Protein backbone atom coordinates (compact mmCIF):
# COMPACT_ATOMS: atom_id res chain seq x y z
CA MET A 1 63.19 -6.42 82.52
CA GLU A 2 64.79 -8.97 85.24
CA GLY A 3 67.49 -9.89 82.37
CA TYR A 4 68.14 -6.18 82.17
CA ALA A 5 68.73 -5.82 85.76
CA LEU A 6 70.90 -9.06 85.72
CA ARG A 7 73.06 -7.71 83.13
CA VAL A 8 73.61 -4.34 84.59
CA ASP A 9 74.47 -6.25 88.05
CA THR A 10 77.39 -8.24 85.98
CA ILE A 11 79.40 -4.99 87.25
CA ASP A 12 79.32 -4.39 90.67
CA TRP A 13 78.47 -0.70 90.60
CA SER A 14 78.72 0.01 94.32
CA ALA A 15 82.25 -1.09 94.18
CA ALA A 16 82.78 1.36 91.20
CA GLN A 17 81.64 4.09 93.12
CA ARG A 18 83.52 3.25 96.33
CA ILE A 19 86.83 2.96 94.65
CA GLY A 20 86.25 6.07 92.42
CA GLU A 21 85.67 8.36 95.66
CA LEU A 22 88.80 6.76 97.04
CA LEU A 23 90.69 8.15 94.28
CA ALA A 24 89.09 11.23 93.48
CA GLY A 25 88.97 12.49 97.08
CA SER A 26 86.58 14.80 98.17
CA PRO A 27 87.96 18.48 98.29
CA PRO A 28 85.31 21.26 99.36
CA TYR A 29 83.21 23.40 96.91
CA GLY A 30 85.51 26.40 97.40
CA GLY A 31 82.52 28.90 97.33
CA VAL A 32 81.40 27.87 93.90
CA ARG A 33 77.44 28.21 93.68
CA THR A 34 74.90 27.95 90.99
CA ALA A 35 72.39 30.63 92.27
CA PRO A 36 74.66 33.64 91.45
CA ILE A 37 74.57 32.38 87.58
CA GLU A 38 71.47 30.78 87.41
CA THR A 39 69.46 33.64 86.18
CA MET A 40 72.24 34.11 83.42
CA ALA A 41 72.17 30.76 81.99
CA TYR A 42 69.27 31.48 79.74
CA ASP A 43 70.76 34.67 78.70
CA PHE A 44 73.83 32.93 77.56
CA ALA A 45 71.83 30.58 75.59
CA ARG A 46 69.97 33.12 74.06
CA ARG A 47 73.62 34.70 73.12
CA VAL A 48 74.67 31.08 71.68
CA SER A 49 71.63 30.60 69.74
CA ASP A 50 71.75 34.08 67.96
CA TYR A 51 75.41 33.51 67.06
CA SER A 52 75.27 29.96 66.09
CA ARG A 53 71.94 30.18 64.20
CA LEU A 54 70.51 27.44 66.48
CA ALA A 55 67.01 26.96 67.87
CA LEU A 56 66.97 28.17 71.32
CA PRO A 57 65.88 25.37 74.07
CA ALA A 58 62.20 25.83 75.35
CA GLU A 59 64.13 25.39 78.50
CA LEU A 60 67.41 24.73 80.02
CA PRO A 61 68.28 21.99 82.66
CA ALA A 62 69.11 23.58 85.98
CA LEU A 63 72.39 24.26 86.53
CA GLU A 64 73.78 21.92 89.58
CA ALA A 65 76.94 22.44 91.41
CA VAL A 66 78.34 18.88 92.20
CA ASP A 67 81.17 17.39 94.04
CA ARG A 68 83.56 14.61 92.80
CA PRO A 69 81.46 11.69 94.30
CA ALA A 70 78.43 13.44 92.91
CA TRP A 71 79.93 13.44 89.33
CA ILE A 72 81.09 9.91 89.82
CA ALA A 73 77.88 8.77 90.41
CA ALA A 74 76.22 10.62 87.47
CA ASN A 75 78.50 9.18 85.02
CA LEU A 76 78.36 5.61 86.52
CA ALA A 77 74.53 5.89 86.11
CA SER A 78 75.23 6.97 82.36
CA MET A 79 77.45 3.86 81.88
CA ARG A 80 75.29 1.05 82.94
CA PRO A 81 73.21 0.85 80.04
CA LEU A 82 76.05 1.02 77.83
CA LEU A 83 78.52 -1.48 79.74
CA GLY A 84 75.67 -3.62 80.87
CA GLY A 85 74.90 -5.63 77.75
CA LEU A 86 78.96 -6.27 77.08
CA THR A 87 79.16 -8.35 80.22
CA ASP A 88 76.36 -10.77 79.46
CA ARG A 89 78.71 -13.52 79.04
CA LEU A 90 80.14 -13.16 82.60
CA ASP A 91 76.70 -14.62 83.51
CA SER A 92 76.54 -17.53 81.11
CA GLY A 93 78.73 -19.84 83.47
CA SER A 94 77.51 -22.77 85.41
CA GLY A 95 78.91 -25.29 87.92
CA PRO A 96 79.66 -24.63 91.52
CA LEU A 97 82.30 -21.76 90.96
CA ALA A 98 80.23 -19.90 88.73
CA GLY A 99 78.83 -17.63 91.18
CA PRO A 100 82.20 -17.07 92.97
CA LEU A 101 83.64 -16.34 89.77
CA ARG A 102 80.96 -13.83 88.69
CA SER A 103 81.07 -11.80 92.08
CA ALA A 104 85.05 -11.67 91.55
CA SER A 105 84.68 -10.72 87.92
CA GLY A 106 82.07 -7.97 88.78
CA PHE A 107 84.21 -6.71 91.49
CA LEU A 108 87.23 -6.44 89.18
CA LEU A 109 85.27 -4.91 86.30
CA GLY A 110 83.76 -2.34 88.88
CA ALA A 111 87.08 -1.54 90.12
CA GLN A 112 88.54 -0.81 86.54
CA VAL A 113 85.15 1.61 85.96
CA GLY A 114 85.70 3.39 89.19
CA ALA A 115 89.22 3.81 89.15
CA MET A 116 88.69 5.34 85.45
CA THR A 117 85.67 7.66 86.66
CA GLY A 118 87.72 8.60 89.94
CA VAL A 119 90.79 9.64 88.01
CA LEU A 120 88.79 11.83 85.62
CA SER A 121 86.85 13.46 88.04
CA GLN A 122 89.79 15.35 89.48
CA ARG A 123 89.96 17.08 85.82
CA VAL A 124 86.48 17.84 84.65
CA LEU A 125 85.35 21.51 85.11
CA GLY A 126 81.74 21.11 83.79
CA GLN A 127 79.41 18.44 81.82
CA TYR A 128 76.37 18.45 79.69
CA ASP A 129 75.08 15.19 80.86
CA LEU A 130 72.79 13.74 78.10
CA ALA A 131 71.66 9.88 78.17
CA LEU A 132 72.26 8.95 74.16
CA LEU A 133 70.60 5.89 74.47
CA ASP A 134 67.40 6.84 76.56
CA ALA A 135 65.61 10.05 75.31
CA SER A 136 63.36 9.99 78.42
CA VAL A 137 66.17 10.70 80.83
CA THR A 138 66.22 14.57 81.50
CA PRO A 139 69.66 16.14 80.59
CA ARG A 140 71.78 17.75 83.30
CA LEU A 141 73.96 20.87 83.40
CA LEU A 142 76.79 20.00 85.65
CA LEU A 143 79.57 21.96 87.22
CA LEU A 144 82.36 20.33 89.24
CA ALA A 145 82.75 23.00 91.99
CA PRO A 146 85.68 21.84 93.77
CA ASN A 147 87.57 21.49 90.52
CA LEU A 148 86.39 25.10 89.13
CA ALA A 149 87.73 26.63 92.62
CA LEU A 150 91.02 24.68 92.48
CA ALA A 151 91.57 25.63 89.01
CA ALA A 152 90.83 29.26 89.56
CA ARG A 153 93.33 29.18 92.34
CA ASN A 154 96.10 27.35 90.46
CA LEU A 155 95.87 29.57 87.21
CA GLY A 156 95.39 32.64 88.93
CA VAL A 157 92.04 33.74 87.53
CA ASP A 158 88.72 35.16 88.76
CA ARG A 159 86.90 32.24 89.95
CA ASP A 160 83.34 33.74 89.19
CA GLU A 161 84.07 34.57 85.86
CA LEU A 162 85.89 30.97 85.19
CA VAL A 163 82.54 29.26 86.48
CA ARG A 164 80.53 31.76 83.88
CA TRP A 165 82.75 30.82 81.25
CA VAL A 166 82.51 27.09 81.81
CA THR A 167 78.91 27.56 82.00
CA ILE A 168 78.73 29.26 78.32
CA HIS A 169 80.56 25.93 77.28
CA GLU A 170 78.17 23.72 78.72
CA VAL A 171 75.05 25.68 77.67
CA THR A 172 76.49 25.73 74.27
CA HIS A 173 76.00 22.14 74.12
CA ALA A 174 72.27 22.29 75.36
CA VAL A 175 71.68 24.91 72.38
CA GLN A 176 73.40 22.41 69.94
CA PHE A 177 71.18 19.38 70.82
CA SER A 178 67.90 21.23 70.80
CA GLY A 179 68.72 23.08 67.52
CA ALA A 180 69.82 19.73 65.80
CA PRO A 181 67.34 17.39 67.17
CA TRP A 182 68.72 14.56 64.85
CA LEU A 183 71.73 14.78 66.51
CA ARG A 184 70.97 12.68 69.57
CA ASP A 185 69.77 9.91 67.66
CA TYR A 186 72.67 9.76 65.19
CA LEU A 187 75.10 9.70 68.40
CA GLY A 188 73.23 7.33 70.04
CA GLY A 189 72.80 4.71 66.81
CA MET A 190 76.61 4.92 66.64
CA VAL A 191 76.92 4.10 70.00
CA ARG A 192 74.34 1.01 69.61
CA GLU A 193 76.04 -0.22 66.54
CA LEU A 194 79.60 -0.15 68.16
CA ILE A 195 77.83 -1.94 71.63
CA ASP A 196 76.20 -4.84 69.19
CA GLY A 197 79.87 -5.10 67.26
CA LEU A 198 81.37 -5.56 70.46
CA LYS A 199 78.85 -8.06 71.77
CA VAL A 200 79.23 -10.26 68.66
CA THR A 201 82.88 -10.39 69.13
CA ILE A 202 82.71 -11.29 72.81
CA ALA A 203 79.98 -14.02 72.03
CA GLY A 204 81.81 -15.27 69.18
CA ALA A 205 85.02 -15.72 71.23
CA GLY A 206 82.84 -17.87 73.44
CA ALA A 207 81.47 -19.86 70.86
CA ASP A 208 84.82 -20.62 69.45
CA ASP A 209 86.05 -21.71 72.88
CA GLU A 210 83.03 -23.95 73.20
CA ALA A 211 82.88 -25.92 69.64
CA GLN A 212 86.57 -26.82 69.83
CA PRO A 213 86.74 -29.75 66.70
CA ASP A 214 87.54 -33.72 68.35
CA SER A 215 91.10 -34.49 67.65
CA GLY A 216 90.38 -38.14 67.67
CA GLY A 217 87.92 -40.31 65.45
CA GLY A 218 85.77 -42.06 68.24
CA GLY A 219 82.27 -42.28 66.92
CA ASN A 220 81.16 -40.96 70.73
CA GLY A 221 83.24 -37.77 70.15
CA ALA A 222 85.92 -38.77 72.76
CA ALA A 223 89.51 -38.54 71.57
CA PRO A 224 92.21 -40.71 72.88
CA GLY A 225 92.73 -39.70 76.63
CA GLY A 226 89.45 -38.26 76.70
CA ARG A 227 87.58 -35.17 75.04
CA ALA A 228 88.44 -32.86 77.81
CA GLY A 229 92.04 -33.37 77.16
CA GLY A 230 91.89 -32.82 73.44
CA ALA A 231 89.89 -29.50 74.26
CA ASN A 232 92.42 -28.13 77.06
CA ARG A 233 95.41 -28.84 74.87
CA SER A 234 93.74 -26.59 72.35
CA ARG A 235 93.16 -23.75 75.08
CA LEU A 236 96.85 -23.79 75.99
CA PRO A 237 98.26 -20.39 75.85
CA ARG A 238 100.77 -19.77 72.88
CA LEU A 239 103.90 -17.63 73.69
CA PRO A 240 103.52 -14.40 71.49
CA ASP A 241 105.34 -13.76 68.46
CA PRO A 242 108.25 -11.26 68.99
CA ASN A 243 107.19 -9.36 66.13
CA ASP A 244 103.56 -8.98 67.28
CA LEU A 245 104.98 -7.78 70.73
CA LEU A 246 107.24 -5.14 68.63
CA GLU A 247 104.41 -3.96 66.96
CA LEU A 248 101.96 -3.71 69.99
CA MET A 249 104.53 -1.63 71.76
CA ALA A 250 104.88 0.87 68.77
CA ARG A 251 101.16 1.13 68.51
CA ALA A 252 100.91 1.58 72.03
CA ARG A 253 103.63 4.46 71.92
CA ARG A 254 101.60 6.17 68.98
CA GLY A 255 98.37 6.06 71.21
CA GLU A 256 96.79 3.57 69.24
CA LEU A 257 95.81 0.80 72.08
CA LEU A 258 92.06 1.74 71.70
CA ARG A 259 92.34 1.11 67.98
CA LEU A 260 94.27 -2.12 68.28
CA THR A 261 91.55 -3.47 70.96
CA LEU A 262 88.60 -2.56 68.74
CA GLY A 263 89.97 -3.58 65.34
CA GLU A 264 89.90 -1.76 62.05
CA ASP A 265 86.21 -2.22 61.41
CA ARG A 266 84.86 -0.59 64.44
CA TRP A 267 87.58 1.82 64.36
CA GLN A 268 85.96 3.34 61.12
CA LEU A 269 82.63 3.87 63.47
CA VAL A 270 84.73 5.41 66.10
CA GLU A 271 86.42 7.94 63.36
CA ARG A 272 82.74 8.90 62.50
CA MET A 273 81.93 9.47 66.04
CA GLN A 274 84.95 11.34 66.84
CA ALA A 275 84.55 13.61 63.78
CA ALA A 276 81.08 14.45 65.21
CA MET A 277 82.39 14.92 68.55
CA SER A 278 85.14 17.10 67.46
CA LEU A 279 82.66 19.42 65.65
CA ILE A 280 80.52 19.58 69.14
CA GLU A 281 83.16 20.28 71.47
CA GLY A 282 85.03 22.70 68.98
CA HIS A 283 82.01 24.51 68.43
CA ALA A 284 81.60 24.93 72.02
CA GLU A 285 85.11 25.98 72.39
CA HIS A 286 84.83 28.63 69.39
CA THR A 287 81.30 29.81 70.93
CA MET A 288 82.42 30.13 74.75
CA ASP A 289 84.92 33.06 73.42
CA VAL A 290 82.57 34.54 70.94
CA VAL A 291 79.74 34.61 73.78
CA GLY A 292 82.51 35.25 76.40
CA ALA A 293 83.81 38.13 74.77
CA GLU A 294 80.50 40.06 75.35
CA VAL A 295 80.09 39.24 78.81
CA LEU A 296 83.68 38.55 80.64
CA PRO A 297 86.27 41.28 81.03
CA SER A 298 88.87 38.98 81.77
CA LEU A 299 88.18 36.65 78.69
CA PRO A 300 92.03 36.96 77.21
CA GLN A 301 93.27 35.88 81.14
CA LEU A 302 91.03 33.18 81.09
CA ARG A 303 91.63 31.67 77.64
CA ALA A 304 95.61 31.80 78.23
CA ALA A 305 94.96 29.85 81.56
CA LEU A 306 92.88 27.26 80.34
CA ASN A 307 95.30 26.77 77.19
CA ARG A 308 98.23 26.38 80.00
CA ARG A 309 96.12 24.15 82.00
CA ARG A 310 95.71 21.68 79.12
CA GLN A 311 99.71 21.86 77.93
CA ASP A 312 101.02 21.77 81.26
CA ARG A 313 99.73 18.33 82.41
CA GLY A 314 102.32 16.13 84.03
CA LEU A 315 103.65 13.06 83.04
CA PRO A 316 101.27 10.50 84.64
CA TRP A 317 98.40 12.39 83.14
CA ARG A 318 99.77 12.23 79.59
CA VAL A 319 100.48 8.51 79.86
CA LEU A 320 97.13 7.93 81.41
CA GLU A 321 95.49 9.78 78.50
CA ARG A 322 97.43 7.88 75.96
CA LEU A 323 96.50 4.61 77.25
CA LEU A 324 92.98 5.24 77.80
CA GLY A 325 92.40 6.89 74.52
CA LEU A 326 91.72 10.17 76.22
CA GLU A 327 94.16 12.06 73.92
CA LEU A 328 91.21 12.12 71.54
CA LYS A 329 89.22 14.28 73.55
CA MET A 330 92.15 16.76 73.65
CA ARG A 331 92.27 16.48 69.85
CA GLN A 332 88.63 17.08 69.66
CA TYR A 333 88.83 20.45 71.38
CA GLU A 334 91.69 21.42 69.26
CA VAL A 335 90.90 20.24 65.90
CA GLY A 336 87.22 21.30 65.94
CA ARG A 337 87.96 24.90 67.03
CA ARG A 338 90.36 25.46 64.44
CA PHE A 339 87.94 24.03 61.82
CA CYS A 340 85.12 26.44 63.66
CA ASP A 341 87.51 29.47 63.43
CA ALA A 342 88.44 28.77 59.84
CA VAL A 343 84.96 28.30 58.59
CA VAL A 344 83.52 31.55 59.90
CA GLN A 345 86.51 33.46 58.91
CA GLU A 346 85.84 32.18 55.42
CA GLY A 347 82.30 31.91 55.25
CA GLY A 348 80.76 33.51 58.12
CA THR A 349 78.24 32.09 60.73
CA ARG A 350 75.83 31.02 58.32
CA ALA A 351 78.35 28.51 56.69
CA LEU A 352 79.17 27.08 60.13
CA ALA A 353 75.23 26.54 60.81
CA TYR A 354 75.15 24.56 57.56
CA ALA A 355 77.08 21.95 59.58
CA TRP A 356 74.26 21.32 61.80
CA THR A 357 71.55 20.44 59.33
CA GLY A 358 71.98 16.74 59.17
CA PRO A 359 74.43 13.86 59.19
CA GLU A 360 75.58 14.20 56.00
CA ALA A 361 76.44 17.87 56.60
CA LEU A 362 78.97 16.90 59.07
CA PRO A 363 82.52 17.35 58.45
CA SER A 364 84.64 14.00 58.32
CA MET A 365 88.19 13.74 60.07
CA ALA A 366 89.99 15.05 56.83
CA GLU A 367 87.62 17.96 56.27
CA LEU A 368 88.26 19.00 60.04
CA ASP A 369 91.92 19.16 59.03
CA GLU A 370 91.02 21.02 55.76
CA PRO A 371 88.13 23.10 56.30
CA ALA A 372 88.37 24.60 52.61
CA LYS A 373 87.27 20.97 51.56
CA TRP A 374 84.21 20.93 53.80
CA LEU A 375 83.30 24.23 52.51
CA ALA A 376 83.66 23.34 49.11
CA ARG A 377 81.53 19.99 49.68
CA ALA A 378 79.11 22.28 51.52
CA GLY A 379 78.71 24.56 48.79
CA ARG A 380 79.24 27.57 50.87
CA LEU A 381 81.29 30.05 49.26
CA PRO A 382 83.09 32.81 51.53
CA VAL A 383 80.91 35.64 52.42
CA SER A 384 82.48 38.91 53.44
CA GLY A 385 81.28 40.35 56.63
CA ALA A 386 78.19 37.63 57.16
CA ALA A 387 78.85 37.72 60.93
CA ARG A 388 80.43 39.38 64.15
CA THR A 389 83.97 38.91 63.91
CA HIS A 390 85.04 35.95 65.98
CA VAL A 391 87.43 36.42 68.79
CA PRO A 392 90.80 35.41 67.74
CA PRO A 393 92.57 32.45 69.88
CA VAL A 394 94.26 33.50 72.73
CA THR A 395 97.29 31.72 73.28
CA SER A 396 99.62 31.34 76.32
């Protein structure tokens, strides 16, 4: 338990919260409250369950309207077990400067994490907050009240209907994880595998630094001029190859910084996670329109406005998303929704429900782009009239 606390505290989480709040700001709730829709949430879940053929949760987490600082705090709490293990090596130093260096490093890491969450808190509308690595943590249904109020005003849509629509999206996630109980462990296992791989890489880099071969042949291990001199020479930075820099710039322009950082082996794991998340997010997008058509008179206007909001991001946002790999999130919505639309059109809701039966039934990245291949693999032939007609996509 003590070791866990040390690992977690390697990052200055209080600095992360302060910096996140500084960047996020704290606009008012704008009249968004959960009480008017709390009684609707279970009805939404029932409709989602009926349509998706996934089991209805025994109970839903209570809806919570939160501001940006509270959303940042919730997400930093989720990050602590994920990031804590990756920073172990910052605690391994010794000597008179070890403490101050750890403090400085912890503050810098906290500042980076806080800046990222602070920026993201300006865009998020809602979240099903699920701790993948700890099943004992109760999930939360969060509605980011200030962002919903601002989005409704800026997009010119009915605020209360927008809140209900986003609630349907997040409730769909709750139904997904209750109806496919294997899903949480599946995603959590991939997260652990990714973290373990990164920890090995970090440890390996440190071991290489500490085990430099002697440059001399002295029996006591000392090279001419002292062993430290040889080690320091081996650690001198070298100028990067111009071709490497050009390749780095080209990959950055293509949005591949995350792939470049992780390496090809771990990127294959990320792609499996990406495929699963694309189904999860795309299915929620697909379902929020189906259920929304039953309960929201202004659904076409809402869909057009949300599409416009996603497409009209300014240049700074697009650059930031690319640098952080966040364009993957937008691709999840788009590719996953097109996949679900196509599967339901060809095979009905029963065919789409098959995707939730186990890890082997999940579509690959290639199958997401070509749903017919997934249908063929799943053995699902087109079934005419097997389900309610899906509301066609509404574009701006």
